[in-house]
Amino acid sequence: MHADREGAFVRTLSERAGIAKSAMGALVDELERFGYLARRSERFDCPPLIVPTARGLEAIGIIRECNRQMEIKLQQTLGNAGYQDLRQALQRLAESR
């Protein structure tokens, strides 16, 4: 997830994820409904900040650990050169969208 502990605006989250603001708004609505995110209004004249809840922070920790384990497994399976080739290929794909 692209949310900061301190919070971020829907616009910022959509830019980070590379998706439309409306799509991010719908995703935030869903994650809020399930208790992973909350809206925090700092000022009445600004949009609310989107912040992870305790449940959301726990989920982020689990996701990061899964990613770490996956990276280790890929490096072990492909070797360092193969792993770097894979990362470069994935980066090129991401940049081509």
PDB file of N, CA and C in Angstrom:
ATOM      1  N   MET A   1       0.843  -1.171   0.000  1.00  0.00           N
ATOM      2  CA  MET A   1       0.000   0.000   0.000  1.00  0.00           C
ATOM      3  C   MET A   1       0.877   1.219   0.000  1.00  0.00           C
ATOM      4  N   HIS A   2       0.383   2.269  -0.565  1.00  0.00           N
ATOM      5  CA  HIS A   2       1.144   3.500  -0.697  1.00  0.00           C
ATOM      6  C   HIS A   2       0.811   4.523   0.386  1.00  0.00           C
ATOM      7  N   ALA A   3       0.204   4.082   1.476  1.00  0.00           N
ATOM      8  CA  ALA A   3      -0.175   5.006   2.550  1.00  0.00           C
ATOM      9  C   ALA A   3       0.993   5.216   3.505  1.00  0.00           C
ATOM     10  N   ASP A   4       1.134   6.444   3.976  1.00  0.00           N
ATOM     11  CA  ASP A   4       2.141   6.785   4.977  1.00  0.00           C
ATOM     12  C   ASP A   4       1.521   6.684   6.358  1.00  0.00           C
ATOM     13  N   ARG A   5       2.346   6.438   7.359  1.00  0.00           N
ATOM     14  CA  ARG A   5       1.858   6.437   8.741  1.00  0.00           C
ATOM     15  C   ARG A   5       1.225   7.781   9.089  1.00  0.00           C
ATOM     16  N   GLU A   6       1.805   8.860   8.573  1.00  0.00           N
ATOM     17  CA  GLU A   6       1.320  10.204   8.875  1.00  0.00           C
ATOM     18  C   GLU A   6       0.063  10.557   8.076  1.00  0.00           C
ATOM     19  N   GLY A   7      -0.167   9.798   7.013  1.00  0.00           N
ATOM     20  CA  GLY A   7      -1.337  10.036   6.183  1.00  0.00           C
ATOM     21  C   GLY A   7      -0.965  10.629   4.846  1.00  0.00           C
ATOM     22  N   ALA A   8      -1.821  10.435   3.878  1.00  0.00           N
ATOM     23  CA  ALA A   8      -1.644  10.981   2.535  1.00  0.00           C
ATOM     24  C   ALA A   8      -3.026  11.239   1.953  1.00  0.00           C
ATOM     25  N   PHE A   9      -3.077  12.171   1.029  1.00  0.00           N
ATOM     26  CA  PHE A   9      -4.342  12.479   0.361  1.00  0.00           C
ATOM     27  C   PHE A   9      -4.615  11.426  -0.717  1.00  0.00           C
ATOM     28  N   VAL A  10      -5.874  11.226  -1.047  1.00  0.00           N
ATOM     29  CA  VAL A  10      -6.256  10.280  -2.095  1.00  0.00           C
ATOM     30  C   VAL A  10      -5.510  10.616  -3.388  1.00  0.00           C
ATOM     31  N   ARG A  11      -5.407  11.880  -3.713  1.00  0.00           N
ATOM     32  CA  ARG A  11      -4.706  12.309  -4.926  1.00  0.00           C
ATOM     33  C   ARG A  11      -3.261  11.795  -4.925  1.00  0.00           C
ATOM     34  N   THR A  12      -2.579  11.950  -3.807  1.00  0.00           N
ATOM     35  CA  THR A  12      -1.193  11.502  -3.680  1.00  0.00           C
ATOM     36  C   THR A  12      -1.099   9.983  -3.820  1.00  0.00           C
ATOM     37  N   LEU A  13      -2.005   9.277  -3.170  1.00  0.00           N
ATOM     38  CA  LEU A  13      -2.010   7.814  -3.247  1.00  0.00           C
ATOM     39  C   LEU A  13      -2.243   7.350  -4.679  1.00  0.00           C
ATOM     40  N   SER A  14      -3.158   8.016  -5.392  1.00  0.00           N
ATOM     41  CA  SER A  14      -3.448   7.614  -6.769  1.00  0.00           C
ATOM     42  C   SER A  14      -2.238   7.849  -7.670  1.00  0.00           C
ATOM     43  N   GLU A  15      -1.519   8.955  -7.445  1.00  0.00           N
ATOM     44  CA  GLU A  15      -0.315   9.226  -8.230  1.00  0.00           C
ATOM     45  C   GLU A  15       0.757   8.173  -7.962  1.00  0.00           C
ATOM     46  N   ARG A  16       0.950   7.819  -6.704  1.00  0.00           N
ATOM     47  CA  ARG A  16       1.961   6.813  -6.348  1.00  0.00           C
ATOM     48  C   ARG A  16       1.640   5.467  -6.965  1.00  0.00           C
ATOM     49  N   ALA A  17       0.369   5.118  -6.983  1.00  0.00           N
ATOM     50  CA  ALA A  17      -0.044   3.814  -7.508  1.00  0.00           C
ATOM     51  C   ALA A  17      -0.215   3.821  -9.025  1.00  0.00           C
ATOM     52  N   GLY A  18      -0.246   5.008  -9.615  1.00  0.00           N
ATOM     53  CA  GLY A  18      -0.435   5.103 -11.058  1.00  0.00           C
ATOM     54  C   GLY A  18      -1.831   4.734 -11.510  1.00  0.00           C
ATOM     55  N   ILE A  19      -2.827   5.070 -10.678  1.00  0.00           N
ATOM     56  CA  ILE A  19      -4.219   4.798 -11.041  1.00  0.00           C
ATOM     57  C   ILE A  19      -5.029   6.083 -10.903  1.00  0.00           C
ATOM     58  N   ALA A  20      -6.222   6.081 -11.465  1.00  0.00           N
ATOM     59  CA  ALA A  20      -7.087   7.255 -11.423  1.00  0.00           C
ATOM     60  C   ALA A  20      -7.498   7.570  -9.985  1.00  0.00           C
ATOM     61  N   LYS A  21      -7.704   8.843  -9.731  1.00  0.00           N
ATOM     62  CA  LYS A  21      -8.118   9.284  -8.394  1.00  0.00           C
ATOM     63  C   LYS A  21      -9.426   8.607  -7.984  1.00  0.00           C
ATOM     64  N   SER A  22     -10.354   8.448  -8.933  1.00  0.00           N
ATOM     65  CA  SER A  22     -11.633   7.806  -8.610  1.00  0.00           C
ATOM     66  C   SER A  22     -11.438   6.343  -8.221  1.00  0.00           C
ATOM     67  N   ALA A  23     -10.513   5.663  -8.899  1.00  0.00           N
ATOM     68  CA  ALA A  23     -10.233   4.261  -8.571  1.00  0.00           C
ATOM     69  C   ALA A  23      -9.603   4.168  -7.183  1.00  0.00           C
ATOM     70  N   MET A  24      -8.698   5.081  -6.867  1.00  0.00           N
ATOM     71  CA  MET A  24      -8.082   5.070  -5.540  1.00  0.00           C
ATOM     72  C   MET A  24      -9.124   5.394  -4.485  1.00  0.00           C
ATOM     73  N   GLY A  25     -10.016   6.316  -4.775  1.00  0.00           N
ATOM     74  CA  GLY A  25     -11.083   6.644  -3.825  1.00  0.00           C
ATOM     75  C   GLY A  25     -11.941   5.425  -3.513  1.00  0.00           C
ATOM     76  N   ALA A  26     -12.261   4.649  -4.546  1.00  0.00           N
ATOM     77  CA  ALA A  26     -13.054   3.431  -4.348  1.00  0.00           C
ATOM     78  C   ALA A  26     -12.272   2.408  -3.531  1.00  0.00           C
ATOM     79  N   LEU A  27     -10.975   2.287  -3.793  1.00  0.00           N
ATOM     80  CA  LEU A  27     -10.137   1.358  -3.036  1.00  0.00           C
ATOM     81  C   LEU A  27     -10.042   1.781  -1.576  1.00  0.00           C
ATOM     82  N   VAL A  28      -9.882   3.073  -1.342  1.00  0.00           N
ATOM     83  CA  VAL A  28      -9.830   3.594   0.036  1.00  0.00           C
ATOM     84  C   VAL A  28     -11.148   3.312   0.748  1.00  0.00           C
ATOM     85  N   ASP A  29     -12.262   3.523   0.066  1.00  0.00           N
ATOM     86  CA  ASP A  29     -13.575   3.228   0.651  1.00  0.00           C
ATOM     87  C   ASP A  29     -13.642   1.774   1.130  1.00  0.00           C
ATOM     88  N   GLU A  30     -13.188   0.852   0.267  1.00  0.00           N
ATOM     89  CA  GLU A  30     -13.220  -0.575   0.610  1.00  0.00           C
ATOM     90  C   GLU A  30     -12.311  -0.879   1.786  1.00  0.00           C
ATOM     91  N   LEU A  31     -11.083  -0.369   1.733  1.00  0.00           N
ATOM     92  CA  LEU A  31     -10.132  -0.647   2.809  1.00  0.00           C
ATOM     93  C   LEU A  31     -10.570  -0.008   4.122  1.00  0.00           C
ATOM     94  N   GLU A  32     -11.241   1.109   4.041  1.00  0.00           N
ATOM     95  CA  GLU A  32     -11.790   1.738   5.246  1.00  0.00           C
ATOM     96  C   GLU A  32     -12.921   0.877   5.811  1.00  0.00           C
ATOM     97  N   ARG A  33     -13.755   0.369   4.924  1.00  0.00           N
ATOM     98  CA  ARG A  33     -14.875  -0.470   5.355  1.00  0.00           C
ATOM     99  C   ARG A  33     -14.383  -1.722   6.090  1.00  0.00           C
ATOM    100  N   PHE A  34     -13.230  -2.246   5.675  1.00  0.00           N
ATOM    101  CA  PHE A  34     -12.677  -3.444   6.309  1.00  0.00           C
ATOM    102  C   PHE A  34     -11.744  -3.124   7.477  1.00  0.00           C
ATOM    103  N   GLY A  35     -11.589  -1.844   7.787  1.00  0.00           N
ATOM    104  CA  GLY A  35     -10.818  -1.452   8.964  1.00  0.00           C
ATOM    105  C   GLY A  35      -9.325  -1.315   8.774  1.00  0.00           C
ATOM    106  N   TYR A  36      -8.856  -1.232   7.527  1.00  0.00           N
ATOM    107  CA  TYR A  36      -7.423  -1.096   7.274  1.00  0.00           C
ATOM    108  C   TYR A  36      -6.973   0.359   7.167  1.00  0.00           C
ATOM    109  N   LEU A  37      -7.873   1.229   6.787  1.00  0.00           N
ATOM    110  CA  LEU A  37      -7.573   2.647   6.637  1.00  0.00           C
ATOM    111  C   LEU A  37      -8.639   3.470   7.334  1.00  0.00           C
ATOM    112  N   ALA A  38      -8.278   4.720   7.637  1.00  0.00           N
ATOM    113  CA  ALA A  38      -9.237   5.668   8.204  1.00  0.00           C
ATOM    114  C   ALA A  38      -8.985   7.028   7.575  1.00  0.00           C
ATOM    115  N   ARG A  39     -10.012   7.820   7.547  1.00  0.00           N
ATOM    116  CA  ARG A  39      -9.888   9.198   7.077  1.00  0.00           C
ATOM    117  C   ARG A  39      -9.730  10.105   8.298  1.00  0.00           C
ATOM    118  N   ARG A  40      -8.776  11.009   8.225  1.00  0.00           N
ATOM    119  CA  ARG A  40      -8.546  11.945   9.320  1.00  0.00           C
ATOM    120  C   ARG A  40      -8.587  13.360   8.751  1.00  0.00           C
ATOM    121  N   SER A  41      -9.531  14.140   9.221  1.00  0.00           N
ATOM    122  CA  SER A  41      -9.669  15.518   8.747  1.00  0.00           C
ATOM    123  C   SER A  41      -8.890  16.446   9.662  1.00  0.00           C
ATOM    124  N   GLU A  42      -7.894  17.092   9.084  1.00  0.00           N
ATOM    125  CA  GLU A  42      -7.086  18.044   9.848  1.00  0.00           C
ATOM    126  C   GLU A  42      -7.739  19.425   9.846  1.00  0.00           C
ATOM    127  N   ARG A  43      -8.280  19.805   8.700  1.00  0.00           N
ATOM    128  CA  ARG A  43      -8.913  21.117   8.555  1.00  0.00           C
ATOM    129  C   ARG A  43     -10.165  20.953   7.704  1.00  0.00           C
ATOM    130  N   PHE A  44     -11.143  21.789   7.952  1.00  0.00           N
ATOM    131  CA  PHE A  44     -12.407  21.674   7.223  1.00  0.00           C
ATOM    132  C   PHE A  44     -12.258  22.022   5.751  1.00  0.00           C
ATOM    133  N   ASP A  45     -11.231  22.809   5.381  1.00  0.00           N
ATOM    134  CA  ASP A  45     -11.073  23.257   4.002  1.00  0.00           C
ATOM    135  C   ASP A  45     -10.114  22.387   3.185  1.00  0.00           C
ATOM    136  N   CYS A  46      -9.708  21.254   3.748  1.00  0.00           N
ATOM    137  CA  CYS A  46      -8.806  20.331   3.049  1.00  0.00           C
ATOM    138  C   CYS A  46      -9.431  18.946   3.003  1.00  0.00           C
ATOM    139  N   PRO A  47      -9.075  18.186   1.979  1.00  0.00           N
ATOM    140  CA  PRO A  47      -9.549  16.799   1.970  1.00  0.00           C
ATOM    141  C   PRO A  47      -8.933  16.026   3.137  1.00  0.00           C
ATOM    142  N   PRO A  48      -9.570  14.955   3.551  1.00  0.00           N
ATOM    143  CA  PRO A  48      -9.026  14.190   4.685  1.00  0.00           C
ATOM    144  C   PRO A  48      -7.745  13.450   4.304  1.00  0.00           C
ATOM    145  N   LEU A  49      -6.916  13.253   5.286  1.00  0.00           N
ATOM    146  CA  LEU A  49      -5.741  12.405   5.120  1.00  0.00           C
ATOM    147  C   LEU A  49      -6.182  10.954   5.267  1.00  0.00           C
ATOM    148  N   ILE A  50      -5.583  10.090   4.491  1.00  0.00           N
ATOM    149  CA  ILE A  50      -5.855   8.663   4.576  1.00  0.00           C
ATOM    150  C   ILE A  50      -4.713   8.054   5.386  1.00  0.00           C
ATOM    151  N   VAL A  51      -5.049   7.437   6.498  1.00  0.00           N
ATOM    152  CA  VAL A  51      -4.032   6.867   7.385  1.00  0.00           C
ATOM    153  C   VAL A  51      -4.325   5.390   7.641  1.00  0.00           C
ATOM    154  N   PRO A  52      -3.263   4.591   7.754  1.00  0.00           N
ATOM    155  CA  PRO A  52      -3.493   3.187   8.102  1.00  0.00           C
ATOM    156  C   PRO A  52      -3.894   3.061   9.568  1.00  0.00           C
ATOM    157  N   THR A  53      -4.809   2.170   9.846  1.00  0.00           N
ATOM    158  CA  THR A  53      -5.197   1.863  11.227  1.00  0.00           C
ATOM    159  C   THR A  53      -4.192   0.863  11.794  1.00  0.00           C
ATOM    160  N   ALA A  54      -4.366   0.487  13.050  1.00  0.00           N
ATOM    161  CA  ALA A  54      -3.506  -0.545  13.643  1.00  0.00           C
ATOM    162  C   ALA A  54      -3.606  -1.833  12.823  1.00  0.00           C
ATOM    163  N   ARG A  55      -4.810  -2.169  12.403  1.00  0.00           N
ATOM    164  CA  ARG A  55      -4.997  -3.362  11.572  1.00  0.00           C
ATOM    165  C   ARG A  55      -4.278  -3.202  10.235  1.00  0.00           C
ATOM    166  N   GLY A  56      -4.339  -2.006   9.669  1.00  0.00           N
ATOM    167  CA  GLY A  56      -3.654  -1.739   8.413  1.00  0.00           C
ATOM    168  C   GLY A  56      -2.149  -1.833   8.552  1.00  0.00           C
ATOM    169  N   LEU A  57      -1.605  -1.299   9.641  1.00  0.00           N
ATOM    170  CA  LEU A  57      -0.163  -1.376   9.881  1.00  0.00           C
ATOM    171  C   LEU A  57       0.290  -2.824  10.042  1.00  0.00           C
ATOM    172  N   GLU A  58      -0.533  -3.620  10.704  1.00  0.00           N
ATOM    173  CA  GLU A  58      -0.219  -5.046  10.850  1.00  0.00           C
ATOM    174  C   GLU A  58      -0.184  -5.723   9.480  1.00  0.00           C
ATOM    175  N   ALA A  59      -1.163  -5.410   8.645  1.00  0.00           N
ATOM    176  CA  ALA A  59      -1.212  -6.000   7.300  1.00  0.00           C
ATOM    177  C   ALA A  59      -0.008  -5.563   6.476  1.00  0.00           C
ATOM    178  N   ILE A  60       0.381  -4.299   6.587  1.00  0.00           N
ATOM    179  CA  ILE A  60       1.558  -3.803   5.869  1.00  0.00           C
ATOM    180  C   ILE A  60       2.800  -4.578   6.299  1.00  0.00           C
ATOM    181  N   GLY A  61       2.931  -4.831   7.597  1.00  0.00           N
ATOM    182  CA  GLY A  61       4.064  -5.606   8.098  1.00  0.00           C
ATOM    183  C   GLY A  61       4.094  -7.006   7.526  1.00  0.00           C
ATOM    184  N   ILE A  62       2.940  -7.642   7.456  1.00  0.00           N
ATOM    185  CA  ILE A  62       2.851  -8.998   6.898  1.00  0.00           C
ATOM    186  C   ILE A  62       3.227  -8.988   5.417  1.00  0.00           C
ATOM    187  N   ILE A  63       2.724  -8.010   4.689  1.00  0.00           N
ATOM    188  CA  ILE A  63       3.016  -7.903   3.253  1.00  0.00           C
ATOM    189  C   ILE A  63       4.504  -7.674   3.030  1.00  0.00           C
ATOM    190  N   ARG A  64       5.102  -6.798   3.823  1.00  0.00           N
ATOM    191  CA  ARG A  64       6.543  -6.536   3.676  1.00  0.00           C
ATOM    192  C   ARG A  64       7.367  -7.785   3.960  1.00  0.00           C
ATOM    193  N   GLU A  65       6.975  -8.554   4.968  1.00  0.00           N
ATOM    194  CA  GLU A  65       7.704  -9.790   5.281  1.00  0.00           C
ATOM    195  C   GLU A  65       7.541 -10.807   4.156  1.00  0.00           C
ATOM    196  N   CYS A  66       6.349 -10.915   3.594  1.00  0.00           N
ATOM    197  CA  CYS A  66       6.135 -11.820   2.449  1.00  0.00           C
ATOM    198  C   CYS A  66       7.003 -11.400   1.267  1.00  0.00           C
ATOM    199  N   ASN A  67       7.058 -10.097   1.003  1.00  0.00           N
ATOM    200  CA  ASN A  67       7.902  -9.594  -0.085  1.00  0.00           C
ATOM    201  C   ASN A  67       9.365  -9.916   0.163  1.00  0.00           C
ATOM    202  N   ARG A  68       9.803  -9.742   1.404  1.00  0.00           N
ATOM    203  CA  ARG A  68      11.200 -10.026   1.754  1.00  0.00           C
ATOM    204  C   ARG A  68      11.519 -11.500   1.519  1.00  0.00           C
ATOM    205  N   GLN A  69      10.622 -12.372   1.965  1.00  0.00           N
ATOM    206  CA  GLN A  69      10.818 -13.810   1.773  1.00  0.00           C
ATOM    207  C   GLN A  69      10.815 -14.186   0.289  1.00  0.00           C
ATOM    208  N   MET A  70       9.949 -13.544  -0.492  1.00  0.00           N
ATOM    209  CA  MET A  70       9.890 -13.813  -1.923  1.00  0.00           C
ATOM    210  C   MET A  70      11.186 -13.375  -2.598  1.00  0.00           C
ATOM    211  N   GLU A  71      11.711 -12.217  -2.214  1.00  0.00           N
ATOM    212  CA  GLU A  71      12.976 -11.735  -2.776  1.00  0.00           C
ATOM    213  C   GLU A  71      14.103 -12.727  -2.473  1.00  0.00           C
ATOM    214  N   ILE A  72      14.159 -13.216  -1.249  1.00  0.00           N
ATOM    215  CA  ILE A  72      15.185 -14.190  -0.864  1.00  0.00           C
ATOM    216  C   ILE A  72      15.062 -15.452  -1.717  1.00  0.00           C
ATOM    217  N   LYS A  73      13.853 -15.950  -1.871  1.00  0.00           N
ATOM    218  CA  LYS A  73      13.625 -17.178  -2.654  1.00  0.00           C
ATOM    219  C   LYS A  73      14.014 -16.967  -4.119  1.00  0.00           C
ATOM    220  N   LEU A  74      13.670 -15.814  -4.677  1.00  0.00           N
ATOM    221  CA  LEU A  74      14.040 -15.531  -6.063  1.00  0.00           C
ATOM    222  C   LEU A  74      15.554 -15.479  -6.234  1.00  0.00           C
ATOM    223  N   GLN A  75      16.237 -14.830  -5.301  1.00  0.00           N
ATOM    224  CA  GLN A  75      17.693 -14.755  -5.373  1.00  0.00           C
ATOM    225  C   GLN A  75      18.319 -16.146  -5.266  1.00  0.00           C
ATOM    226  N   GLN A  76      17.790 -16.968  -4.373  1.00  0.00           N
ATOM    227  CA  GLN A  76      18.315 -18.327  -4.212  1.00  0.00           C
ATOM    228  C   GLN A  76      18.067 -19.154  -5.467  1.00  0.00           C
ATOM    229  N   THR A  77      16.907 -18.996  -6.065  1.00  0.00           N
ATOM    230  CA  THR A  77      16.521 -19.794  -7.225  1.00  0.00           C
ATOM    231  C   THR A  77      17.240 -19.343  -8.495  1.00  0.00           C
ATOM    232  N   LEU A  78      17.311 -18.039  -8.717  1.00  0.00           N
ATOM    233  CA  LEU A  78      17.852 -17.499  -9.970  1.00  0.00           C
ATOM    234  C   LEU A  78      19.330 -17.153  -9.900  1.00  0.00           C
ATOM    235  N   GLY A  79      19.871 -17.063  -8.701  1.00  0.00           N
ATOM    236  CA  GLY A  79      21.233 -16.548  -8.550  1.00  0.00           C
ATOM    237  C   GLY A  79      21.195 -15.032  -8.679  1.00  0.00           C
ATOM    238  N   ASN A  80      22.272 -14.388  -8.272  1.00  0.00           N
ATOM    239  CA  ASN A  80      22.277 -12.926  -8.247  1.00  0.00           C
ATOM    240  C   ASN A  80      22.100 -12.319  -9.636  1.00  0.00           C
ATOM    241  N   ALA A  81      22.810 -12.848 -10.640  1.00  0.00           N
ATOM    242  CA  ALA A  81      22.711 -12.286 -11.993  1.00  0.00           C
ATOM    243  C   ALA A  81      21.298 -12.470 -12.557  1.00  0.00           C
ATOM    244  N   GLY A  82      20.728 -13.658 -12.394  1.00  0.00           N
ATOM    245  CA  GLY A  82      19.369 -13.900 -12.877  1.00  0.00           C
ATOM    246  C   GLY A  82      18.343 -13.037 -12.161  1.00  0.00           C
ATOM    247  N   TYR A  83      18.553 -12.868 -10.880  1.00  0.00           N
ATOM    248  CA  TYR A  83      17.652 -12.025 -10.086  1.00  0.00           C
ATOM    249  C   TYR A  83      17.713 -10.573 -10.562  1.00  0.00           C
ATOM    250  N   GLN A  84      18.923 -10.066 -10.804  1.00  0.00           N
ATOM    251  CA  GLN A  84      19.072  -8.689 -11.291  1.00  0.00           C
ATOM    252  C   GLN A  84      18.455  -8.531 -12.684  1.00  0.00           C
ATOM    253  N   ASP A  85      18.629  -9.544 -13.538  1.00  0.00           N
ATOM    254  CA  ASP A  85      17.998  -9.512 -14.865  1.00  0.00           C
ATOM    255  C   ASP A  85      16.481  -9.440 -14.744  1.00  0.00           C
ATOM    256  N   LEU A  86      15.921 -10.228 -13.843  1.00  0.00           N
ATOM    257  CA  LEU A  86      14.475 -10.220 -13.629  1.00  0.00           C
ATOM    258  C   LEU A  86      14.009  -8.854 -13.155  1.00  0.00           C
ATOM    259  N   ARG A  87      14.702  -8.286 -12.196  1.00  0.00           N
ATOM    260  CA  ARG A  87      14.324  -6.961 -11.685  1.00  0.00           C
ATOM    261  C   ARG A  87      14.374  -5.906 -12.785  1.00  0.00           C
ATOM    262  N   GLN A  88      15.406  -5.948 -13.619  1.00  0.00           N
ATOM    263  CA  GLN A  88      15.529  -4.980 -14.714  1.00  0.00           C
ATOM    264  C   GLN A  88      14.401  -5.163 -15.729  1.00  0.00           C
ATOM    265  N   ALA A  89      14.068  -6.410 -16.032  1.00  0.00           N
ATOM    266  CA  ALA A  89      12.980  -6.678 -16.974  1.00  0.00           C
ATOM    267  C   ALA A  89      11.646  -6.185 -16.417  1.00  0.00           C
ATOM    268  N   LEU A  90      11.409  -6.431 -15.142  1.00  0.00           N
ATOM    269  CA  LEU A  90      10.169  -5.956 -14.519  1.00  0.00           C
ATOM    270  C   LEU A  90      10.118  -4.442 -14.482  1.00  0.00           C
ATOM    271  N   GLN A  91      11.246  -3.794 -14.248  1.00  0.00           N
ATOM    272  CA  GLN A  91      11.304  -2.334 -14.252  1.00  0.00           C
ATOM    273  C   GLN A  91      10.974  -1.776 -15.634  1.00  0.00           C
ATOM    274  N   ARG A  92      11.517  -2.406 -16.670  1.00  0.00           N
ATOM    275  CA  ARG A  92      11.216  -1.966 -18.048  1.00  0.00           C
ATOM    276  C   ARG A  92       9.725  -2.122 -18.334  1.00  0.00           C
ATOM    277  N   LEU A  93       9.145  -3.227 -17.896  1.00  0.00           N
ATOM    278  CA  LEU A  93       7.697  -3.427 -18.090  1.00  0.00           C
ATOM    279  C   LEU A  93       6.888  -2.358 -17.378  1.00  0.00           C
ATOM    280  N   ALA A  94       7.260  -2.055 -16.146  1.00  0.00           N
ATOM    281  CA  ALA A  94       6.537  -1.045 -15.371  1.00  0.00           C
ATOM    282  C   ALA A  94       6.638   0.328 -16.019  1.00  0.00           C
ATOM    283  N   GLU A  95       7.784   0.645 -16.564  1.00  0.00           N
ATOM    284  CA  GLU A  95       7.989   1.956 -17.199  1.00  0.00           C
ATOM    285  C   GLU A  95       7.295   2.058 -18.550  1.00  0.00           C
ATOM    286  N   SER A  96       6.945   0.931 -19.160  1.00  0.00           N
ATOM    287  CA  SER A  96       6.347   0.948 -20.498  1.00  0.00           C
ATOM    288  C   SER A  96       4.850   1.176 -20.505  1.00  0.00           C
ATOM    289  N   ARG A  97       4.227   1.232 -19.327  1.00  0.00           N
ATOM    290  CA  ARG A  97       2.775   1.382 -19.335  1.00  0.00           C
ATOM    291  C   ARG A  97       2.334   2.746 -19.626  1.00  0.00           C
TER     292      ARG A  97
END
